[in-house]
Amino acid sequence: MKHPVDVHVGKRMRHRRWMVGMTQQQLAERVGIKFQQIQKYETGMNRVSASRLWEISAAMNVQPSFFFEGLGNDTPETTSPDLPGDLLSDKEALELVRSYYAIPETQRRRLFDLARVLSDAA
């Protein structure tokens, strides 16, 4: 049976890997394991040891604490009714964020301001 913490860590791992444009195979090679093990981590089927999480975080240039962010914050008071319950599993949202960060910073700021104006007008 999957533990909710393992599932959360796996989702965060998949999210970060996707955001940096890395395949499961590439991540596996960087930490010296098979890509099937990455699959198991990402689905929460297998737990990630502390040392392996340290290696994975280094390979994806993020602090190990990144994988635990948002854990336990799924209470109704902290969930916005305007957002899907699990934004990290929304492929369209992740693609939008990835594309956003590919834009040069000055243009990105203008796009951000435009999006804010459009959302206020809606």
N, C-alpha and C. Protein backbone atom coordinates (compact mmCIF):
# COMPACT_ATOMS: atom_id res chain seq x y z
N MET A 1 0.84 -1.18 0.00
CA MET A 1 0.00 0.00 0.00
C MET A 1 0.89 1.25 0.00
N LYS A 2 0.54 2.20 -0.84
CA LYS A 2 1.33 3.41 -0.96
C LYS A 2 1.09 4.34 0.23
N HIS A 3 2.16 4.90 0.75
CA HIS A 3 2.05 5.88 1.82
C HIS A 3 1.89 7.26 1.18
N PRO A 4 1.00 8.11 1.71
CA PRO A 4 0.78 9.44 1.11
C PRO A 4 2.04 10.29 0.99
N VAL A 5 2.98 10.15 1.91
CA VAL A 5 4.22 10.92 1.83
C VAL A 5 5.05 10.44 0.63
N ASP A 6 5.11 9.13 0.42
CA ASP A 6 5.86 8.60 -0.72
C ASP A 6 5.24 9.05 -2.04
N VAL A 7 3.93 9.10 -2.10
CA VAL A 7 3.23 9.55 -3.30
C VAL A 7 3.54 11.03 -3.55
N HIS A 8 3.49 11.84 -2.49
CA HIS A 8 3.78 13.28 -2.62
C HIS A 8 5.21 13.51 -3.10
N VAL A 9 6.17 12.84 -2.48
CA VAL A 9 7.57 12.98 -2.87
C VAL A 9 7.75 12.55 -4.33
N GLY A 10 7.09 11.47 -4.72
CA GLY A 10 7.17 11.00 -6.10
C GLY A 10 6.61 12.00 -7.09
N LYS A 11 5.49 12.63 -6.74
CA LYS A 11 4.91 13.65 -7.63
C LYS A 11 5.83 14.85 -7.77
N ARG A 12 6.42 15.25 -6.65
CA ARG A 12 7.35 16.38 -6.70
C ARG A 12 8.59 16.04 -7.53
N MET A 13 9.03 14.79 -7.43
CA MET A 13 10.18 14.33 -8.19
C MET A 13 9.84 14.38 -9.69
N ARG A 14 8.70 13.85 -10.06
CA ARG A 14 8.27 13.86 -11.46
C ARG A 14 8.13 15.30 -11.97
N HIS A 15 7.52 16.15 -11.14
CA HIS A 15 7.34 17.56 -11.49
C HIS A 15 8.68 18.23 -11.77
N ARG A 16 9.63 18.09 -10.87
CA ARG A 16 10.93 18.73 -11.03
C ARG A 16 11.66 18.17 -12.25
N ARG A 17 11.61 16.86 -12.42
CA ARG A 17 12.28 16.24 -13.56
C ARG A 17 11.71 16.78 -14.87
N TRP A 18 10.41 16.90 -14.92
CA TRP A 18 9.75 17.41 -16.12
C TRP A 18 10.10 18.88 -16.34
N MET A 19 10.14 19.67 -15.26
CA MET A 19 10.43 21.09 -15.37
C MET A 19 11.86 21.35 -15.89
N VAL A 20 12.79 20.50 -15.53
CA VAL A 20 14.16 20.70 -16.01
C VAL A 20 14.41 19.99 -17.34
N GLY A 21 13.37 19.34 -17.88
CA GLY A 21 13.48 18.70 -19.19
C GLY A 21 14.32 17.44 -19.19
N MET A 22 14.23 16.67 -18.13
CA MET A 22 15.04 15.47 -17.98
C MET A 22 14.14 14.23 -18.10
N THR A 23 14.61 13.21 -18.77
CA THR A 23 13.86 11.96 -18.86
C THR A 23 14.16 11.11 -17.63
N GLN A 24 13.34 10.09 -17.44
CA GLN A 24 13.59 9.15 -16.34
C GLN A 24 14.94 8.47 -16.55
N GLN A 25 15.25 8.14 -17.79
CA GLN A 25 16.53 7.49 -18.11
C GLN A 25 17.71 8.39 -17.75
N GLN A 26 17.61 9.67 -18.09
CA GLN A 26 18.71 10.60 -17.79
C GLN A 26 18.91 10.74 -16.29
N LEU A 27 17.81 10.86 -15.55
CA LEU A 27 17.92 10.98 -14.10
C LEU A 27 18.52 9.70 -13.51
N ALA A 28 18.05 8.57 -13.98
CA ALA A 28 18.56 7.29 -13.48
C ALA A 28 20.07 7.17 -13.71
N GLU A 29 20.52 7.57 -14.89
CA GLU A 29 21.95 7.50 -15.20
C GLU A 29 22.76 8.42 -14.28
N ARG A 30 22.21 9.59 -13.97
CA ARG A 30 22.93 10.54 -13.10
C ARG A 30 23.09 10.02 -11.68
N VAL A 31 22.13 9.21 -11.21
CA VAL A 31 22.23 8.71 -9.84
C VAL A 31 22.65 7.24 -9.78
N GLY A 32 22.89 6.63 -10.95
CA GLY A 32 23.43 5.28 -10.98
C GLY A 32 22.44 4.17 -10.70
N ILE A 33 21.20 4.34 -11.16
CA ILE A 33 20.18 3.30 -11.00
C ILE A 33 19.47 3.10 -12.33
N LYS A 34 18.55 2.15 -12.38
CA LYS A 34 17.77 1.90 -13.59
C LYS A 34 16.55 2.81 -13.62
N PHE A 35 16.09 3.15 -14.84
CA PHE A 35 14.96 4.07 -14.97
C PHE A 35 13.69 3.49 -14.36
N GLN A 36 13.58 2.16 -14.30
CA GLN A 36 12.40 1.55 -13.69
C GLN A 36 12.28 1.94 -12.21
N GLN A 37 13.43 2.11 -11.57
CA GLN A 37 13.42 2.51 -10.16
C GLN A 37 12.89 3.94 -10.03
N ILE A 38 13.27 4.81 -10.96
CA ILE A 38 12.75 6.18 -10.97
C ILE A 38 11.22 6.13 -11.12
N GLN A 39 10.73 5.27 -12.01
CA GLN A 39 9.29 5.10 -12.20
C GLN A 39 8.61 4.72 -10.88
N LYS A 40 9.21 3.80 -10.17
CA LYS A 40 8.63 3.34 -8.90
C LYS A 40 8.65 4.46 -7.86
N TYR A 41 9.71 5.24 -7.83
CA TYR A 41 9.76 6.38 -6.91
C TYR A 41 8.67 7.39 -7.25
N GLU A 42 8.53 7.69 -8.54
CA GLU A 42 7.59 8.72 -8.96
C GLU A 42 6.12 8.32 -8.73
N THR A 43 5.83 7.06 -8.72
CA THR A 43 4.46 6.62 -8.46
C THR A 43 4.21 6.37 -6.98
N GLY A 44 5.27 6.40 -6.19
CA GLY A 44 5.13 6.14 -4.76
C GLY A 44 5.12 4.67 -4.42
N MET A 45 5.37 3.81 -5.39
CA MET A 45 5.40 2.36 -5.15
C MET A 45 6.60 1.99 -4.27
N ASN A 46 7.72 2.67 -4.47
CA ASN A 46 8.91 2.45 -3.66
C ASN A 46 9.26 3.74 -2.93
N ARG A 47 9.71 3.58 -1.71
CA ARG A 47 10.17 4.74 -0.94
C ARG A 47 11.58 5.11 -1.36
N VAL A 48 11.86 6.39 -1.28
CA VAL A 48 13.19 6.89 -1.62
C VAL A 48 13.98 7.03 -0.32
N SER A 49 15.14 6.41 -0.26
CA SER A 49 15.96 6.55 0.94
C SER A 49 16.51 7.97 1.00
N ALA A 50 16.94 8.37 2.18
CA ALA A 50 17.48 9.72 2.36
C ALA A 50 18.70 9.95 1.48
N SER A 51 19.59 8.97 1.40
CA SER A 51 20.80 9.14 0.58
C SER A 51 20.45 9.23 -0.91
N ARG A 52 19.48 8.44 -1.34
CA ARG A 52 19.07 8.49 -2.75
C ARG A 52 18.37 9.82 -3.05
N LEU A 53 17.55 10.29 -2.12
CA LEU A 53 16.88 11.58 -2.32
C LEU A 53 17.91 12.70 -2.41
N TRP A 54 18.96 12.60 -1.64
CA TRP A 54 20.06 13.57 -1.68
C TRP A 54 20.70 13.56 -3.08
N GLU A 55 20.96 12.38 -3.62
CA GLU A 55 21.56 12.25 -4.95
C GLU A 55 20.62 12.79 -6.03
N ILE A 56 19.35 12.47 -5.91
CA ILE A 56 18.36 12.92 -6.89
C ILE A 56 18.23 14.44 -6.85
N SER A 57 18.20 15.00 -5.66
CA SER A 57 18.08 16.45 -5.55
C SER A 57 19.30 17.14 -6.17
N ALA A 58 20.49 16.58 -5.96
CA ALA A 58 21.70 17.15 -6.56
C ALA A 58 21.65 17.04 -8.09
N ALA A 59 21.16 15.92 -8.59
CA ALA A 59 21.08 15.71 -10.04
C ALA A 59 20.09 16.67 -10.69
N MET A 60 19.08 17.10 -9.92
CA MET A 60 18.08 18.01 -10.48
C MET A 60 18.24 19.43 -9.96
N ASN A 61 19.38 19.69 -9.31
CA ASN A 61 19.73 21.04 -8.85
C ASN A 61 18.63 21.68 -7.99
N VAL A 62 18.24 20.97 -6.95
CA VAL A 62 17.21 21.45 -6.03
C VAL A 62 17.56 20.94 -4.63
N GLN A 63 17.12 21.64 -3.61
CA GLN A 63 17.33 21.18 -2.24
C GLN A 63 16.43 19.97 -1.94
N PRO A 64 16.87 19.04 -1.11
CA PRO A 64 16.02 17.89 -0.78
C PRO A 64 14.66 18.30 -0.19
N SER A 65 14.62 19.43 0.48
CA SER A 65 13.35 19.89 1.07
C SER A 65 12.30 20.19 0.01
N PHE A 66 12.72 20.43 -1.24
CA PHE A 66 11.78 20.70 -2.33
C PHE A 66 10.74 19.58 -2.43
N PHE A 67 11.17 18.35 -2.23
CA PHE A 67 10.28 17.20 -2.42
C PHE A 67 9.19 17.10 -1.35
N PHE A 68 9.36 17.84 -0.27
CA PHE A 68 8.38 17.81 0.82
C PHE A 68 7.50 19.05 0.87
N GLU A 69 7.80 20.04 0.02
CA GLU A 69 7.01 21.27 0.03
C GLU A 69 5.55 20.96 -0.28
N GLY A 70 4.66 21.61 0.47
CA GLY A 70 3.22 21.42 0.26
C GLY A 70 2.65 20.21 0.96
N LEU A 71 3.50 19.43 1.59
CA LEU A 71 3.03 18.24 2.29
C LEU A 71 2.25 18.65 3.53
N GLY A 72 1.06 18.16 3.66
CA GLY A 72 0.23 18.48 4.81
C GLY A 72 -0.53 19.78 4.68
N ASN A 73 -0.43 20.43 3.51
CA ASN A 73 -1.15 21.68 3.30
C ASN A 73 -2.41 21.49 2.48
N ASP A 74 -2.94 20.28 2.44
CA ASP A 74 -4.11 20.00 1.63
C ASP A 74 -5.42 20.17 2.40
N THR A 75 -5.41 21.01 3.39
CA THR A 75 -6.64 21.24 4.15
C THR A 75 -7.55 22.16 3.35
N PRO A 76 -8.85 22.09 3.56
CA PRO A 76 -9.77 22.94 2.80
C PRO A 76 -9.47 24.43 2.93
N GLU A 77 -8.93 24.86 4.05
CA GLU A 77 -8.65 26.29 4.24
C GLU A 77 -7.54 26.78 3.33
N THR A 78 -6.62 25.89 2.93
CA THR A 78 -5.49 26.32 2.11
C THR A 78 -5.66 25.99 0.64
N THR A 79 -6.71 25.30 0.26
CA THR A 79 -6.94 24.97 -1.13
C THR A 79 -7.83 26.01 -1.76
N SER A 80 -7.34 26.62 -2.86
CA SER A 80 -8.11 27.64 -3.56
C SER A 80 -9.19 26.98 -4.40
N PRO A 81 -10.43 27.49 -4.35
CA PRO A 81 -11.49 26.90 -5.16
C PRO A 81 -11.29 27.13 -6.66
N ASP A 82 -10.42 28.08 -7.03
CA ASP A 82 -10.19 28.38 -8.43
C ASP A 82 -9.13 27.49 -9.07
N LEU A 83 -8.39 26.72 -8.26
CA LEU A 83 -7.32 25.89 -8.79
C LEU A 83 -7.66 24.42 -8.66
N PRO A 84 -7.14 23.59 -9.59
CA PRO A 84 -7.34 22.15 -9.44
C PRO A 84 -6.67 21.66 -8.16
N GLY A 85 -7.17 20.58 -7.59
CA GLY A 85 -6.64 20.07 -6.33
C GLY A 85 -5.17 19.71 -6.40
N ASP A 86 -4.72 19.19 -7.52
CA ASP A 86 -3.32 18.80 -7.65
C ASP A 86 -2.73 19.45 -8.89
N LEU A 87 -2.25 20.66 -8.73
CA LEU A 87 -1.72 21.43 -9.84
C LEU A 87 -0.51 20.74 -10.47
N LEU A 88 0.25 19.99 -9.68
CA LEU A 88 1.43 19.33 -10.20
C LEU A 88 1.09 18.19 -11.15
N SER A 89 -0.10 17.66 -11.09
CA SER A 89 -0.47 16.58 -12.00
C SER A 89 -1.17 17.11 -13.24
N ASP A 90 -1.40 18.40 -13.33
CA ASP A 90 -2.03 19.02 -14.49
C ASP A 90 -0.95 19.30 -15.54
N LYS A 91 -0.91 18.48 -16.58
CA LYS A 91 0.15 18.58 -17.59
C LYS A 91 0.13 19.94 -18.29
N GLU A 92 -1.05 20.47 -18.53
CA GLU A 92 -1.15 21.77 -19.19
C GLU A 92 -0.55 22.87 -18.32
N ALA A 93 -0.81 22.82 -17.02
CA ALA A 93 -0.26 23.83 -16.11
C ALA A 93 1.26 23.72 -16.06
N LEU A 94 1.78 22.52 -16.01
CA LEU A 94 3.23 22.33 -15.98
C LEU A 94 3.87 22.81 -17.28
N GLU A 95 3.22 22.53 -18.40
CA GLU A 95 3.76 22.99 -19.68
C GLU A 95 3.76 24.51 -19.76
N LEU A 96 2.71 25.12 -19.22
CA LEU A 96 2.63 26.58 -19.21
C LEU A 96 3.76 27.18 -18.37
N VAL A 97 4.01 26.61 -17.20
CA VAL A 97 5.08 27.11 -16.33
C VAL A 97 6.44 26.92 -16.99
N ARG A 98 6.63 25.78 -17.61
CA ARG A 98 7.90 25.51 -18.27
C ARG A 98 8.14 26.51 -19.41
N SER A 99 7.11 26.76 -20.19
CA SER A 99 7.22 27.72 -21.30
C SER A 99 7.46 29.13 -20.76
N TYR A 100 6.79 29.46 -19.68
CA TYR A 100 6.92 30.78 -19.06
C TYR A 100 8.38 31.05 -18.69
N TYR A 101 9.02 30.09 -18.07
CA TYR A 101 10.39 30.29 -17.64
C TYR A 101 11.40 30.22 -18.78
N ALA A 102 10.96 29.81 -19.96
CA ALA A 102 11.83 29.81 -21.13
C ALA A 102 11.89 31.19 -21.79
N ILE A 103 10.97 32.09 -21.40
CA ILE A 103 10.90 33.44 -21.96
C ILE A 103 11.93 34.32 -21.22
N PRO A 104 12.60 35.22 -21.95
CA PRO A 104 13.54 36.14 -21.27
C PRO A 104 12.84 36.93 -20.17
N GLU A 105 13.58 37.25 -19.13
CA GLU A 105 12.99 37.83 -17.91
C GLU A 105 12.17 39.10 -18.14
N THR A 106 12.64 40.01 -18.95
CA THR A 106 11.88 41.26 -19.16
C THR A 106 10.55 40.99 -19.84
N GLN A 107 10.56 40.11 -20.83
CA GLN A 107 9.31 39.75 -21.51
C GLN A 107 8.41 38.94 -20.59
N ARG A 108 9.03 38.10 -19.77
CA ARG A 108 8.26 37.29 -18.82
C ARG A 108 7.51 38.18 -17.84
N ARG A 109 8.14 39.24 -17.39
CA ARG A 109 7.49 40.17 -16.45
C ARG A 109 6.27 40.82 -17.11
N ARG A 110 6.42 41.21 -18.39
CA ARG A 110 5.28 41.80 -19.10
C ARG A 110 4.15 40.79 -19.27
N LEU A 111 4.50 39.56 -19.57
CA LEU A 111 3.49 38.52 -19.72
C LEU A 111 2.76 38.28 -18.40
N PHE A 112 3.52 38.29 -17.32
CA PHE A 112 2.94 38.12 -16.00
C PHE A 112 1.94 39.24 -15.69
N ASP A 113 2.34 40.47 -15.98
CA ASP A 113 1.45 41.62 -15.76
C ASP A 113 0.19 41.51 -16.62
N LEU A 114 0.34 41.08 -17.87
CA LEU A 114 -0.81 40.90 -18.75
C LEU A 114 -1.75 39.83 -18.21
N ALA A 115 -1.19 38.72 -17.75
CA ALA A 115 -2.02 37.64 -17.21
C ALA A 115 -2.78 38.11 -15.97
N ARG A 116 -2.13 38.89 -15.14
CA ARG A 116 -2.79 39.41 -13.95
C ARG A 116 -3.96 40.32 -14.33
N VAL A 117 -3.76 41.20 -15.31
CA VAL A 117 -4.83 42.09 -15.76
C VAL A 117 -5.99 41.28 -16.35
N LEU A 118 -5.65 40.29 -17.16
CA LEU A 118 -6.70 39.46 -17.77
C LEU A 118 -7.48 38.67 -16.72
N SER A 119 -6.80 38.16 -15.71
CA SER A 119 -7.50 37.39 -14.68
C SER A 119 -8.38 38.29 -13.82
N ASP A 120 -7.96 39.54 -13.60
CA ASP A 120 -8.78 40.49 -12.85
C ASP A 120 -10.03 40.88 -13.65
N ALA A 121 -9.91 40.91 -14.99
CA ALA A 121 -11.03 41.29 -15.85
C ALA A 121 -12.04 40.17 -16.01
N ALA A 122 -11.60 38.94 -15.78
CA ALA A 122 -12.48 37.77 -15.99
C ALA A 122 -13.55 37.65 -14.93
